PDB file of N, CA and C in Angstrom:
ATOM      1  N   MET A   1      -5.470  59.340   9.552  1.00  0.00           N
ATOM      2  CA  MET A   1      -4.117  59.019   9.918  1.00  0.00           C
ATOM      3  C   MET A   1      -3.869  57.539   9.594  1.00  0.00           C
ATOM      4  N   ALA A   2      -2.719  57.219   9.038  1.00  0.00           N
ATOM      5  CA  ALA A   2      -2.378  55.856   8.650  1.00  0.00           C
ATOM      6  C   ALA A   2      -1.828  55.096   9.845  1.00  0.00           C
ATOM      7  N   THR A   3      -2.211  53.810   9.900  1.00  0.00           N
ATOM      8  CA  THR A   3      -1.703  52.947  10.959  1.00  0.00           C
ATOM      9  C   THR A   3      -0.544  52.137  10.403  1.00  0.00           C
ATOM     10  N   ILE A   4       0.564  52.173  11.050  1.00  0.00           N
ATOM     11  CA  ILE A   4       1.749  51.429  10.608  1.00  0.00           C
ATOM     12  C   ILE A   4       1.977  50.290  11.583  1.00  0.00           C
ATOM     13  N   VAL A   5       2.048  49.071  11.033  1.00  0.00           N
ATOM     14  CA  VAL A   5       2.285  47.896  11.861  1.00  0.00           C
ATOM     15  C   VAL A   5       3.680  47.378  11.543  1.00  0.00           C
ATOM     16  N   ASN A   6       4.537  47.416  12.515  1.00  0.00           N
ATOM     17  CA  ASN A   6       5.884  46.894  12.355  1.00  0.00           C
ATOM     18  C   ASN A   6       5.962  45.530  13.027  1.00  0.00           C
ATOM     19  N   THR A   7       6.178  44.498  12.232  1.00  0.00           N
ATOM     20  CA  THR A   7       6.324  43.156  12.808  1.00  0.00           C
ATOM     21  C   THR A   7       7.802  42.884  12.997  1.00  0.00           C
ATOM     22  N   PRO A   8       8.162  42.379  14.147  1.00  0.00           N
ATOM     23  CA  PRO A   8       9.585  42.105  14.378  1.00  0.00           C
ATOM     24  C   PRO A   8      10.053  40.927  13.524  1.00  0.00           C
ATOM     25  N   ALA A   9      11.297  40.956  13.166  1.00  0.00           N
ATOM     26  CA  ALA A   9      11.881  39.866  12.375  1.00  0.00           C
ATOM     27  C   ALA A   9      11.984  38.613  13.229  1.00  0.00           C
ATOM     28  N   GLN A  10      11.948  37.462  12.579  1.00  0.00           N
ATOM     29  CA  GLN A  10      12.069  36.207  13.317  1.00  0.00           C
ATOM     30  C   GLN A  10      13.474  36.082  13.871  1.00  0.00           C
ATOM     31  N   THR A  11      13.537  35.675  15.109  1.00  0.00           N
ATOM     32  CA  THR A  11      14.842  35.503  15.733  1.00  0.00           C
ATOM     33  C   THR A  11      15.334  34.079  15.577  1.00  0.00           C
ATOM     34  N   GLU A  12      14.409  33.123  15.486  1.00  0.00           N
ATOM     35  CA  GLU A  12      14.781  31.717  15.324  1.00  0.00           C
ATOM     36  C   GLU A  12      14.286  31.211  13.993  1.00  0.00           C
ATOM     37  N   ARG A  13      15.005  30.269  13.469  1.00  0.00           N
ATOM     38  CA  ARG A  13      14.576  29.616  12.242  1.00  0.00           C
ATOM     39  C   ARG A  13      13.911  28.307  12.640  1.00  0.00           C
ATOM     40  N   SER A  14      12.627  28.189  12.441  1.00  0.00           N
ATOM     41  CA  SER A  14      11.920  26.995  12.888  1.00  0.00           C
ATOM     42  C   SER A  14      11.537  26.136  11.696  1.00  0.00           C
ATOM     43  N   GLY A  15      11.352  24.873  11.928  1.00  0.00           N
ATOM     44  CA  GLY A  15      10.858  23.972  10.895  1.00  0.00           C
ATOM     45  C   GLY A  15      11.932  23.127  10.250  1.00  0.00           C
ATOM     46  N   GLY A  16      13.181  23.373  10.492  1.00  0.00           N
ATOM     47  CA  GLY A  16      14.249  22.605   9.858  1.00  0.00           C
ATOM     48  C   GLY A  16      14.269  21.164  10.313  1.00  0.00           C
ATOM     49  N   MET A  17      14.232  20.958  11.611  1.00  0.00           N
ATOM     50  CA  MET A  17      14.283  19.596  12.143  1.00  0.00           C
ATOM     51  C   MET A  17      12.974  18.860  11.881  1.00  0.00           C
ATOM     52  N   GLY A  18      11.871  19.558  11.954  1.00  0.00           N
ATOM     53  CA  GLY A  18      10.579  18.927  11.674  1.00  0.00           C
ATOM     54  C   GLY A  18      10.460  18.514  10.228  1.00  0.00           C
ATOM     55  N   PHE A  19      10.981  19.324   9.324  1.00  0.00           N
ATOM     56  CA  PHE A  19      10.962  18.984   7.902  1.00  0.00           C
ATOM     57  C   PHE A  19      11.818  17.758   7.646  1.00  0.00           C
ATOM     58  N   LEU A  20      12.993  17.692   8.251  1.00  0.00           N
ATOM     59  CA  LEU A  20      13.879  16.543   8.078  1.00  0.00           C
ATOM     60  C   LEU A  20      13.231  15.267   8.619  1.00  0.00           C
ATOM     61  N   LEU A  21      12.588  15.361   9.756  1.00  0.00           N
ATOM     62  CA  LEU A  21      11.899  14.208  10.335  1.00  0.00           C
ATOM     63  C   LEU A  21      10.749  13.757   9.439  1.00  0.00           C
ATOM     64  N   GLY A  22      10.036  14.704   8.868  1.00  0.00           N
ATOM     65  CA  GLY A  22       8.943  14.365   7.956  1.00  0.00           C
ATOM     66  C   GLY A  22       9.431  13.659   6.708  1.00  0.00           C
ATOM     67  N   VAL A  23      10.552  14.101   6.161  1.00  0.00           N
ATOM     68  CA  VAL A  23      11.121  13.460   4.969  1.00  0.00           C
ATOM     69  C   VAL A  23      11.573  12.049   5.295  1.00  0.00           C
ATOM     70  N   VAL A  24      12.207  11.854   6.438  1.00  0.00           N
ATOM     71  CA  VAL A  24      12.656  10.515   6.836  1.00  0.00           C
ATOM     72  C   VAL A  24      11.463   9.594   7.035  1.00  0.00           C
ATOM     73  N   LEU A  25      10.418  10.069   7.684  1.00  0.00           N
ATOM     74  CA  LEU A  25       9.224   9.242   7.883  1.00  0.00           C
ATOM     75  C   LEU A  25       8.547   8.912   6.560  1.00  0.00           C
ATOM     76  N   LEU A  26       8.542   9.835   5.635  1.00  0.00           N
ATOM     77  CA  LEU A  26       7.964   9.579   4.319  1.00  0.00           C
ATOM     78  C   LEU A  26       8.755   8.505   3.572  1.00  0.00           C
ATOM     79  N   ILE A  27      10.070   8.551   3.646  1.00  0.00           N
ATOM     80  CA  ILE A  27      10.905   7.536   2.998  1.00  0.00           C
ATOM     81  C   ILE A  27      10.668   6.170   3.629  1.00  0.00           C
ATOM     82  N   VAL A  28      10.578   6.112   4.946  1.00  0.00           N
ATOM     83  CA  VAL A  28      10.314   4.839   5.635  1.00  0.00           C
ATOM     84  C   VAL A  28       8.949   4.293   5.232  1.00  0.00           C
ATOM     85  N   PHE A  29       7.948   5.158   5.133  1.00  0.00           N
ATOM     86  CA  PHE A  29       6.610   4.717   4.750  1.00  0.00           C
ATOM     87  C   PHE A  29       6.606   4.147   3.331  1.00  0.00           C
ATOM     88  N   VAL A  30       7.303   4.801   2.416  1.00  0.00           N
ATOM     89  CA  VAL A  30       7.359   4.319   1.031  1.00  0.00           C
ATOM     90  C   VAL A  30       8.080   2.977   0.970  1.00  0.00           C
ATOM     91  N   LEU A  31       9.157   2.817   1.716  1.00  0.00           N
ATOM     92  CA  LEU A  31       9.880   1.540   1.731  1.00  0.00           C
ATOM     93  C   LEU A  31       9.009   0.421   2.307  1.00  0.00           C
ATOM     94  N   LEU A  32       8.250   0.716   3.352  1.00  0.00           N
ATOM     95  CA  LEU A  32       7.346  -0.295   3.912  1.00  0.00           C
ATOM     96  C   LEU A  32       6.234  -0.644   2.928  1.00  0.00           C
ATOM     97  N   LEU A  33       5.750   0.354   2.217  1.00  0.00           N
ATOM     98  CA  LEU A  33       4.715   0.098   1.220  1.00  0.00           C
ATOM     99  C   LEU A  33       5.243  -0.809   0.118  1.00  0.00           C
ATOM    100  N   ILE A  34       6.447  -0.557  -0.340  1.00  0.00           N
ATOM    101  CA  ILE A  34       7.034  -1.400  -1.386  1.00  0.00           C
ATOM    102  C   ILE A  34       7.304  -2.802  -0.846  1.00  0.00           C
ATOM    103  N   GLY A  35       7.820  -2.894   0.377  1.00  0.00           N
ATOM    104  CA  GLY A  35       8.197  -4.196   0.944  1.00  0.00           C
ATOM    105  C   GLY A  35       7.026  -5.074   1.319  1.00  0.00           C
ATOM    106  N   TYR A  36       5.969  -4.490   1.858  1.00  0.00           N
ATOM    107  CA  TYR A  36       4.845  -5.287   2.337  1.00  0.00           C
ATOM    108  C   TYR A  36       3.572  -5.098   1.513  1.00  0.00           C
ATOM    109  N   GLY A  37       3.339  -3.909   1.034  1.00  0.00           N
ATOM    110  CA  GLY A  37       2.087  -3.613   0.345  1.00  0.00           C
ATOM    111  C   GLY A  37       1.996  -4.236  -1.031  1.00  0.00           C
ATOM    112  N   LEU A  38       3.050  -4.122  -1.829  1.00  0.00           N
ATOM    113  CA  LEU A  38       2.988  -4.650  -3.189  1.00  0.00           C
ATOM    114  C   LEU A  38       2.858  -6.176  -3.230  1.00  0.00           C
ATOM    115  N   PRO A  39       3.615  -6.942  -2.440  1.00  0.00           N
ATOM    116  CA  PRO A  39       3.385  -8.395  -2.451  1.00  0.00           C
ATOM    117  C   PRO A  39       1.972  -8.775  -1.988  1.00  0.00           C
ATOM    118  N   TYR A  40       1.431  -8.036  -1.035  1.00  0.00           N
ATOM    119  CA  TYR A  40       0.074  -8.318  -0.562  1.00  0.00           C
ATOM    120  C   TYR A  40      -0.941  -8.060  -1.671  1.00  0.00           C
ATOM    121  N   ILE A  41      -0.789  -6.960  -2.384  1.00  0.00           N
ATOM    122  CA  ILE A  41      -1.707  -6.644  -3.480  1.00  0.00           C
ATOM    123  C   ILE A  41      -1.581  -7.671  -4.598  1.00  0.00           C
ATOM    124  N   GLN A  42      -0.358  -8.117  -4.894  1.00  0.00           N
ATOM    125  CA  GLN A  42      -0.166  -9.113  -5.943  1.00  0.00           C
ATOM    126  C   GLN A  42      -0.783 -10.450  -5.552  1.00  0.00           C
ATOM    127  N   SER A  43      -0.720 -10.815  -4.279  1.00  0.00           N
ATOM    128  CA  SER A  43      -1.306 -12.089  -3.858  1.00  0.00           C
ATOM    129  C   SER A  43      -2.827 -12.045  -3.919  1.00  0.00           C
ATOM    130  N   ILE A  44      -3.423 -10.885  -3.748  1.00  0.00           N
ATOM    131  CA  ILE A  44      -4.872 -10.754  -3.824  1.00  0.00           C
ATOM    132  C   ILE A  44      -5.346 -10.865  -5.273  1.00  0.00           C
ATOM    133  N   THR A  45      -4.596 -10.276  -6.191  1.00  0.00           N
ATOM    134  CA  THR A  45      -5.046 -10.210  -7.580  1.00  0.00           C
ATOM    135  C   THR A  45      -4.766 -11.472  -8.372  1.00  0.00           C
ATOM    136  N   GLN A  46      -4.052 -12.438  -7.825  1.00  0.00           N
ATOM    137  CA  GLN A  46      -3.777 -13.681  -8.549  1.00  0.00           C
ATOM    138  C   GLN A  46      -5.026 -14.557  -8.562  1.00  0.00           C
ATOM    139  N   THR A  47      -5.284 -15.166  -9.709  1.00  0.00           N
ATOM    140  CA  THR A  47      -6.437 -16.059  -9.822  1.00  0.00           C
ATOM    141  C   THR A  47      -6.014 -17.471  -9.425  1.00  0.00           C
ATOM    142  N   PRO A  48      -6.908 -18.221  -8.822  1.00  0.00           N
ATOM    143  CA  PRO A  48      -6.546 -19.584  -8.429  1.00  0.00           C
ATOM    144  C   PRO A  48      -6.389 -20.475  -9.660  1.00  0.00           C
ATOM    145  N   GLN A  49      -5.538 -21.473  -9.531  1.00  0.00           N
ATOM    146  CA  GLN A  49      -5.302 -22.405 -10.623  1.00  0.00           C
ATOM    147  C   GLN A  49      -6.222 -23.607 -10.448  1.00  0.00           C
ATOM    148  N   VAL A  50      -7.005 -23.889 -11.481  1.00  0.00           N
ATOM    149  CA  VAL A  50      -7.954 -24.994 -11.447  1.00  0.00           C
ATOM    150  C   VAL A  50      -7.508 -26.029 -12.466  1.00  0.00           C
ATOM    151  N   ASN A  51      -7.306 -27.270 -12.004  1.00  0.00           N
ATOM    152  CA  ASN A  51      -6.907 -28.355 -12.890  1.00  0.00           C
ATOM    153  C   ASN A  51      -8.121 -29.230 -13.180  1.00  0.00           C
ATOM    154  N   VAL A  52      -8.463 -29.338 -14.456  1.00  0.00           N
ATOM    155  CA  VAL A  52      -9.587 -30.163 -14.875  1.00  0.00           C
ATOM    156  C   VAL A  52      -9.028 -31.307 -15.721  1.00  0.00           C
ATOM    157  N   PRO A  53      -9.378 -32.557 -15.392  1.00  0.00           N
ATOM    158  CA  PRO A  53      -8.846 -33.670 -16.177  1.00  0.00           C
ATOM    159  C   PRO A  53      -9.422 -33.659 -17.598  1.00  0.00           C
ATOM    160  N   GLY A  54      -8.646 -34.208 -18.538  1.00  0.00           N
ATOM    161  CA  GLY A  54      -9.073 -34.237 -19.928  1.00  0.00           C
ATOM    162  C   GLY A  54     -10.222 -35.204 -20.168  1.00  0.00           C
ATOM    163  N   LYS A  55     -10.288 -36.290 -19.418  1.00  0.00           N
ATOM    164  CA  LYS A  55     -11.325 -37.293 -19.609  1.00  0.00           C
ATOM    165  C   LYS A  55     -11.934 -37.639 -18.253  1.00  0.00           C
ATOM    166  N   VAL A  56     -13.267 -37.629 -18.201  1.00  0.00           N
ATOM    167  CA  VAL A  56     -13.974 -37.930 -16.963  1.00  0.00           C
ATOM    168  C   VAL A  56     -14.851 -39.145 -17.207  1.00  0.00           C
ATOM    169  N   ASP A  57     -14.720 -40.170 -16.349  1.00  0.00           N
ATOM    170  CA  ASP A  57     -15.546 -41.381 -16.473  1.00  0.00           C
ATOM    171  C   ASP A  57     -16.811 -41.182 -15.646  1.00  0.00           C
ATOM    172  N   VAL A  58     -17.916 -41.022 -16.359  1.00  0.00           N
ATOM    173  CA  VAL A  58     -19.197 -40.856 -15.687  1.00  0.00           C
ATOM    174  C   VAL A  58     -20.021 -42.103 -15.959  1.00  0.00           C
ATOM    175  N   ASN A  59     -20.062 -42.993 -15.010  1.00  0.00           N
ATOM    176  CA  ASN A  59     -20.786 -44.249 -15.150  1.00  0.00           C
ATOM    177  C   ASN A  59     -22.127 -44.083 -14.436  1.00  0.00           C
ATOM    178  N   VAL A  60     -23.222 -43.996 -15.220  1.00  0.00           N
ATOM    179  CA  VAL A  60     -24.530 -43.808 -14.623  1.00  0.00           C
ATOM    180  C   VAL A  60     -25.335 -45.102 -14.562  1.00  0.00           C
ATOM    181  N   ASN A  61     -24.763 -46.167 -15.101  1.00  0.00           N
ATOM    182  CA  ASN A  61     -25.468 -47.460 -15.044  1.00  0.00           C
ATOM    183  C   ASN A  61     -25.331 -48.068 -13.680  1.00  0.00           C
ATOM    184  N   THR A  62     -26.456 -48.452 -13.074  1.00  0.00           N
ATOM    185  CA  THR A  62     -26.414 -49.074 -11.757  1.00  0.00           C
ATOM    186  C   THR A  62     -26.488 -50.587 -11.969  1.00  0.00           C
ATOM    187  N   PRO A  63     -25.832 -51.335 -11.114  1.00  0.00           N
ATOM    188  CA  PRO A  63     -25.881 -52.803 -11.260  1.00  0.00           C
ATOM    189  C   PRO A  63     -27.287 -53.347 -10.975  1.00  0.00           C
ATOM    190  N   ALA A  64     -27.624 -54.436 -11.630  1.00  0.00           N
ATOM    191  CA  ALA A  64     -28.954 -55.057 -11.445  1.00  0.00           C
ATOM    192  C   ALA A  64     -29.040 -55.679 -10.068  1.00  0.00           C
ATOM    193  N   LYS A  65     -30.260 -55.668  -9.489  1.00  0.00           N
ATOM    194  CA  LYS A  65     -30.453 -56.227  -8.145  1.00  0.00           C
ATOM    195  C   LYS A  65     -30.810 -57.657  -8.193  1.00  0.00           C
TER     196      LYS A  65
END
């Protein structure tokens, strides 16, 4: 004998408000990443600027005693 399972239809539509909240939170997260994350990453990857003079006076002669 075959078993027939009848599932009742959904009476409520769920997930609409949760989906909308998730999309809004995702947009806020992306905006925060662009606003704070990218400048932070750029500041880390910059190399320091080193200034070396063109001429260095190296006097190794000591005065006589």
